[in-house]
């Protein structure tokens, strides 16, 4: 994988990272998020962080302080803002790909930040939106996209 390829993360990845009820998905989420931190290739939007925070404290009953810490940490990935331009991009995706408004905003944000991949279990795996390919992070491993150097360091 070249250093230019970025992965846009949907809210389900950080949600499973804190989900104590699904050990397998939690382990996959941890593996993906760790690799994205190491490689610097993780991308997301404020929409994703808002969805994560709300669902983490309401559905998963995560302590609000813990959820806020995760949002603060992930904000270092420079989240895509929801601007009128992004909304216009989303409208185009709604028309062109028959996506819901919220899904179209995800695709538009992934496109806006130059992501090559969209990590989500909510979209059809393998589907492409322009140059963005959907990857289900619970069906594919980060090792398929990243390689280990002989000295043990992970690089993109």
C-alpha atoms as a PDB file:
ATOM      1  CA  UNK A   1       0.000   0.000   0.000  1.00  0.00           C
ATOM      2  CA  UNK A   2       1.353   3.420  -0.838  1.00  0.00           C
ATOM      3  CA  UNK A   3       1.466   6.123   1.807  1.00  0.00           C
ATOM      4  CA  UNK A   4      -1.123   8.112  -0.152  1.00  0.00           C
ATOM      5  CA  UNK A   5      -3.939   5.623   0.426  1.00  0.00           C
ATOM      6  CA  UNK A   6      -6.246   6.577   3.269  1.00  0.00           C
ATOM      7  CA  UNK A   7      -9.030   4.684   5.039  1.00  0.00           C
ATOM      8  CA  UNK A   8     -12.246   6.491   5.961  1.00  0.00           C
ATOM      9  CA  UNK A   9     -13.741   4.996   9.116  1.00  0.00           C
ATOM     10  CA  UNK A  10     -17.500   4.730   9.655  1.00  0.00           C
ATOM     11  CA  UNK A  11     -18.831   4.950  13.221  1.00  0.00           C
ATOM     12  CA  UNK A  12     -19.260   1.185  13.587  1.00  0.00           C
ATOM     13  CA  UNK A  13     -15.499   0.624  13.843  1.00  0.00           C
ATOM     14  CA  UNK A  14     -14.932   2.754  16.973  1.00  0.00           C
ATOM     15  CA  UNK A  15     -18.283   1.544  18.357  1.00  0.00           C
ATOM     16  CA  UNK A  16     -17.182  -2.087  18.209  1.00  0.00           C
ATOM     17  CA  UNK A  17     -13.877  -1.022  19.746  1.00  0.00           C
ATOM     18  CA  UNK A  18     -15.800  -0.247  22.950  1.00  0.00           C
ATOM     19  CA  UNK A  19     -18.426  -2.997  22.647  1.00  0.00           C
ATOM     20  CA  UNK A  20     -17.926  -5.605  25.383  1.00  0.00           C
ATOM     21  CA  UNK A  21     -20.565  -7.955  23.912  1.00  0.00           C
ATOM     22  CA  UNK A  22     -18.816  -8.842  20.648  1.00  0.00           C
ATOM     23  CA  UNK A  23     -15.269 -10.013  21.340  1.00  0.00           C
ATOM     24  CA  UNK A  24     -14.499 -10.952  17.741  1.00  0.00           C
ATOM     25  CA  UNK A  25     -15.630  -7.617  16.307  1.00  0.00           C
ATOM     26  CA  UNK A  26     -13.976  -5.762  19.165  1.00  0.00           C
ATOM     27  CA  UNK A  27     -10.676  -7.486  18.375  1.00  0.00           C
ATOM     28  CA  UNK A  28     -11.033  -6.643  14.671  1.00  0.00           C
ATOM     29  CA  UNK A  29     -11.872  -3.023  15.473  1.00  0.00           C
ATOM     30  CA  UNK A  30      -8.837  -2.771  17.746  1.00  0.00           C
ATOM     31  CA  UNK A  31      -6.572  -4.286  15.095  1.00  0.00           C
ATOM     32  CA  UNK A  32      -7.839  -1.856  12.446  1.00  0.00           C
ATOM     33  CA  UNK A  33      -7.727   1.248  14.649  1.00  0.00           C
ATOM     34  CA  UNK A  34      -4.244   0.380  15.929  1.00  0.00           C
ATOM     35  CA  UNK A  35      -2.973  -0.036  12.369  1.00  0.00           C
ATOM     36  CA  UNK A  36      -4.600   3.203  11.233  1.00  0.00           C
ATOM     37  CA  UNK A  37      -2.956   5.069  14.121  1.00  0.00           C
ATOM     38  CA  UNK A  38       0.449   3.545  13.388  1.00  0.00           C
ATOM     39  CA  UNK A  39       0.258   4.256   9.668  1.00  0.00           C
ATOM     40  CA  UNK A  40      -1.410   7.664   9.968  1.00  0.00           C
ATOM     41  CA  UNK A  41      -3.903   6.597   7.307  1.00  0.00           C
ATOM     42  CA  UNK A  42      -7.160   6.890   9.290  1.00  0.00           C
ATOM     43  CA  UNK A  43      -9.751   9.452   8.232  1.00  0.00           C
ATOM     44  CA  UNK A  44     -13.256  10.294   9.458  1.00  0.00           C
ATOM     45  CA  UNK A  45     -15.768  13.113   9.737  1.00  0.00           C
ATOM     46  CA  UNK A  46     -17.467  15.017  12.527  1.00  0.00           C
ATOM     47  CA  UNK A  47     -20.630  13.156  11.554  1.00  0.00           C
ATOM     48  CA  UNK A  48     -18.875   9.869  12.384  1.00  0.00           C
ATOM     49  CA  UNK A  49     -17.638  11.202  15.717  1.00  0.00           C
ATOM     50  CA  UNK A  50     -21.107  12.505  16.586  1.00  0.00           C
ATOM     51  CA  UNK A  51     -22.688   9.137  15.716  1.00  0.00           C
ATOM     52  CA  UNK A  52     -20.041   7.330  17.735  1.00  0.00           C
ATOM     53  CA  UNK A  53     -20.509   9.528  20.808  1.00  0.00           C
ATOM     54  CA  UNK A  54     -24.299   9.340  20.805  1.00  0.00           C
ATOM     55  CA  UNK A  55     -24.468   5.572  20.275  1.00  0.00           C
ATOM     56  CA  UNK A  56     -21.634   4.863  22.708  1.00  0.00           C
ATOM     57  CA  UNK A  57     -23.294   6.667  25.613  1.00  0.00           C
ATOM     58  CA  UNK A  58     -26.896   5.729  24.764  1.00  0.00           C
ATOM     59  CA  UNK A  59     -26.833   2.219  23.304  1.00  0.00           C
ATOM     60  CA  UNK A  60     -23.613   0.878  24.800  1.00  0.00           C
ATOM     61  CA  UNK A  61     -23.868   2.787  28.059  1.00  0.00           C
ATOM     62  CA  UNK A  62     -20.227   3.833  27.828  1.00  0.00           C
ATOM     63  CA  UNK A  63     -19.288   6.406  30.429  1.00  0.00           C
ATOM     64  CA  UNK A  64     -19.562   9.863  28.834  1.00  0.00           C
ATOM     65  CA  UNK A  65     -16.033  10.802  29.942  1.00  0.00           C
ATOM     66  CA  UNK A  66     -14.623   7.707  28.218  1.00  0.00           C
ATOM     67  CA  UNK A  67     -16.602   8.428  25.049  1.00  0.00           C
ATOM     68  CA  UNK A  68     -15.402  12.039  25.070  1.00  0.00           C
ATOM     69  CA  UNK A  69     -11.796  10.895  25.447  1.00  0.00           C
ATOM     70  CA  UNK A  70     -12.147   8.660  22.382  1.00  0.00           C
ATOM     71  CA  UNK A  71     -13.729  11.502  20.384  1.00  0.00           C
ATOM     72  CA  UNK A  72     -10.906  13.783  21.483  1.00  0.00           C
ATOM     73  CA  UNK A  73      -8.295  11.189  20.475  1.00  0.00           C
ATOM     74  CA  UNK A  74      -9.899  10.574  17.075  1.00  0.00           C
ATOM     75  CA  UNK A  75     -10.192  14.314  16.458  1.00  0.00           C
ATOM     76  CA  UNK A  76      -6.429  14.203  15.801  1.00  0.00           C
ATOM     77  CA  UNK A  77      -7.355  12.558  12.483  1.00  0.00           C
ATOM     78  CA  UNK A  78      -8.576  16.023  11.374  1.00  0.00           C
ATOM     79  CA  UNK A  79     -12.246  15.160  10.800  1.00  0.00           C
ATOM     80  CA  UNK A  80     -14.018  16.409   7.686  1.00  0.00           C
ATOM     81  CA  UNK A  81     -16.404  19.271   8.472  1.00  0.00           C
ATOM     82  CA  UNK A  82     -19.994  19.171   7.287  1.00  0.00           C
ATOM     83  CA  UNK A  83     -20.080  22.193   4.998  1.00  0.00           C
ATOM     84  CA  UNK A  84     -22.575  23.211   2.354  1.00  0.00           C
ATOM     85  CA  UNK A  85     -20.129  21.946  -0.267  1.00  0.00           C
ATOM     86  CA  UNK A  86     -20.091  18.528   1.418  1.00  0.00           C
ATOM     87  CA  UNK A  87     -23.885  18.517   1.520  1.00  0.00           C
ATOM     88  CA  UNK A  88     -23.948  19.239  -2.225  1.00  0.00           C
ATOM     89  CA  UNK A  89     -21.562  16.323  -2.806  1.00  0.00           C
ATOM     90  CA  UNK A  90     -23.872  14.140  -0.713  1.00  0.00           C
ATOM     91  CA  UNK A  91     -26.867  15.173  -2.821  1.00  0.00           C
ATOM     92  CA  UNK A  92     -24.974  14.042  -5.927  1.00  0.00           C
ATOM     93  CA  UNK A  93     -24.268  10.665  -4.302  1.00  0.00           C
ATOM     94  CA  UNK A  94     -27.930  10.372  -3.312  1.00  0.00           C
ATOM     95  CA  UNK A  95     -28.934  10.928  -6.943  1.00  0.00           C
ATOM     96  CA  UNK A  96     -26.157   8.884  -8.564  1.00  0.00           C
ATOM     97  CA  UNK A  97     -26.018   5.904  -6.182  1.00  0.00           C
ATOM     98  CA  UNK A  98     -29.455   6.013  -4.531  1.00  0.00           C
ATOM     99  CA  UNK A  99     -27.894   6.365  -1.085  1.00  0.00           C
ATOM    100  CA  UNK A 100     -29.674   7.651   2.000  1.00  0.00           C
ATOM    101  CA  UNK A 101     -28.724  11.175   2.992  1.00  0.00           C
ATOM    102  CA  UNK A 102     -26.588  10.026   5.943  1.00  0.00           C
ATOM    103  CA  UNK A 103     -24.767   7.366   3.893  1.00  0.00           C
ATOM    104  CA  UNK A 104     -24.233   9.882   1.093  1.00  0.00           C
ATOM    105  CA  UNK A 105     -22.625  12.259   3.602  1.00  0.00           C
ATOM    106  CA  UNK A 106     -20.243   9.459   4.612  1.00  0.00           C
ATOM    107  CA  UNK A 107     -19.256   8.810   0.990  1.00  0.00           C
ATOM    108  CA  UNK A 108     -18.920  12.544   0.303  1.00  0.00           C
ATOM    109  CA  UNK A 109     -16.695  12.985   3.372  1.00  0.00           C
ATOM    110  CA  UNK A 110     -14.547  10.006   2.339  1.00  0.00           C
ATOM    111  CA  UNK A 111     -14.228  11.541  -1.104  1.00  0.00           C
ATOM    112  CA  UNK A 112     -13.465  14.993   0.328  1.00  0.00           C
ATOM    113  CA  UNK A 113     -10.519  13.733   2.400  1.00  0.00           C
ATOM    114  CA  UNK A 114      -9.098  11.654  -0.448  1.00  0.00           C
ATOM    115  CA  UNK A 115      -9.765   8.255   1.093  1.00  0.00           C
ATOM    116  CA  UNK A 116      -9.189   5.189  -1.075  1.00  0.00           C
ATOM    117  CA  UNK A 117     -11.189   2.877   1.194  1.00  0.00           C
ATOM    118  CA  UNK A 118     -14.364   3.178   3.261  1.00  0.00           C
ATOM    119  CA  UNK A 119     -14.290   0.875   6.290  1.00  0.00           C
ATOM    120  CA  UNK A 120     -17.883   0.005   7.141  1.00  0.00           C
ATOM    121  CA  UNK A 121     -20.114  -2.974   7.685  1.00  0.00           C
ATOM    122  CA  UNK A 122     -23.142  -0.902   6.659  1.00  0.00           C
ATOM    123  CA  UNK A 123     -22.217  -0.591   2.977  1.00  0.00           C
ATOM    124  CA  UNK A 124     -21.928  -3.386   0.406  1.00  0.00           C
ATOM    125  CA  UNK A 125     -18.372  -4.815   0.590  1.00  0.00           C
ATOM    126  CA  UNK A 126     -16.442  -4.387  -2.646  1.00  0.00           C
ATOM    127  CA  UNK A 127     -18.782  -1.683  -3.936  1.00  0.00           C
ATOM    128  CA  UNK A 128     -17.063   1.376  -5.306  1.00  0.00           C
ATOM    129  CA  UNK A 129     -18.151   4.991  -5.184  1.00  0.00           C
ATOM    130  CA  UNK A 130     -15.930   6.832  -7.623  1.00  0.00           C
ATOM    131  CA  UNK A 131     -12.425   5.905  -6.490  1.00  0.00           C
ATOM    132  CA  UNK A 132     -13.544   4.761  -3.016  1.00  0.00           C
ATOM    133  CA  UNK A 133     -13.844   1.036  -2.361  1.00  0.00           C
ATOM    134  CA  UNK A 134     -15.971  -0.293   0.508  1.00  0.00           C
ATOM    135  CA  UNK A 135     -14.195  -2.722   2.834  1.00  0.00           C
ATOM    136  CA  UNK A 136     -15.983  -4.558   5.635  1.00  0.00           C
ATOM    137  CA  UNK A 137     -13.407  -4.402   8.453  1.00  0.00           C
ATOM    138  CA  UNK A 138     -14.935  -7.460  10.098  1.00  0.00           C
ATOM    139  CA  UNK A 139     -14.447  -9.600   6.996  1.00  0.00           C
ATOM    140  CA  UNK A 140     -10.982  -8.384   5.989  1.00  0.00           C
ATOM    141  CA  UNK A 141      -7.839  -7.890   7.993  1.00  0.00           C
ATOM    142  CA  UNK A 142      -5.596  -4.834   7.933  1.00  0.00           C
ATOM    143  CA  UNK A 143      -2.753  -7.213   7.046  1.00  0.00           C
ATOM    144  CA  UNK A 144      -4.296  -7.445   3.570  1.00  0.00           C
ATOM    145  CA  UNK A 145      -3.552  -3.739   3.106  1.00  0.00           C
ATOM    146  CA  UNK A 146      -0.441  -3.203   5.235  1.00  0.00           C
ATOM    147  CA  UNK A 147       2.737  -5.224   5.450  1.00  0.00           C
ATOM    148  CA  UNK A 148       5.143  -5.971   8.282  1.00  0.00           C
ATOM    149  CA  UNK A 149       8.753  -4.953   7.799  1.00  0.00           C
ATOM    150  CA  UNK A 150      11.392  -7.473   8.772  1.00  0.00           C
ATOM    151  CA  UNK A 151      12.382  -5.407  11.831  1.00  0.00           C
ATOM    152  CA  UNK A 152       8.868  -5.749  13.235  1.00  0.00           C
ATOM    153  CA  UNK A 153       7.735  -2.190  12.561  1.00  0.00           C
ATOM    154  CA  UNK A 154       4.441  -1.742  10.749  1.00  0.00           C
ATOM    155  CA  UNK A 155       4.422   0.616   7.794  1.00  0.00           C
ATOM    156  CA  UNK A 156       2.012   1.592   5.124  1.00  0.00           C
END
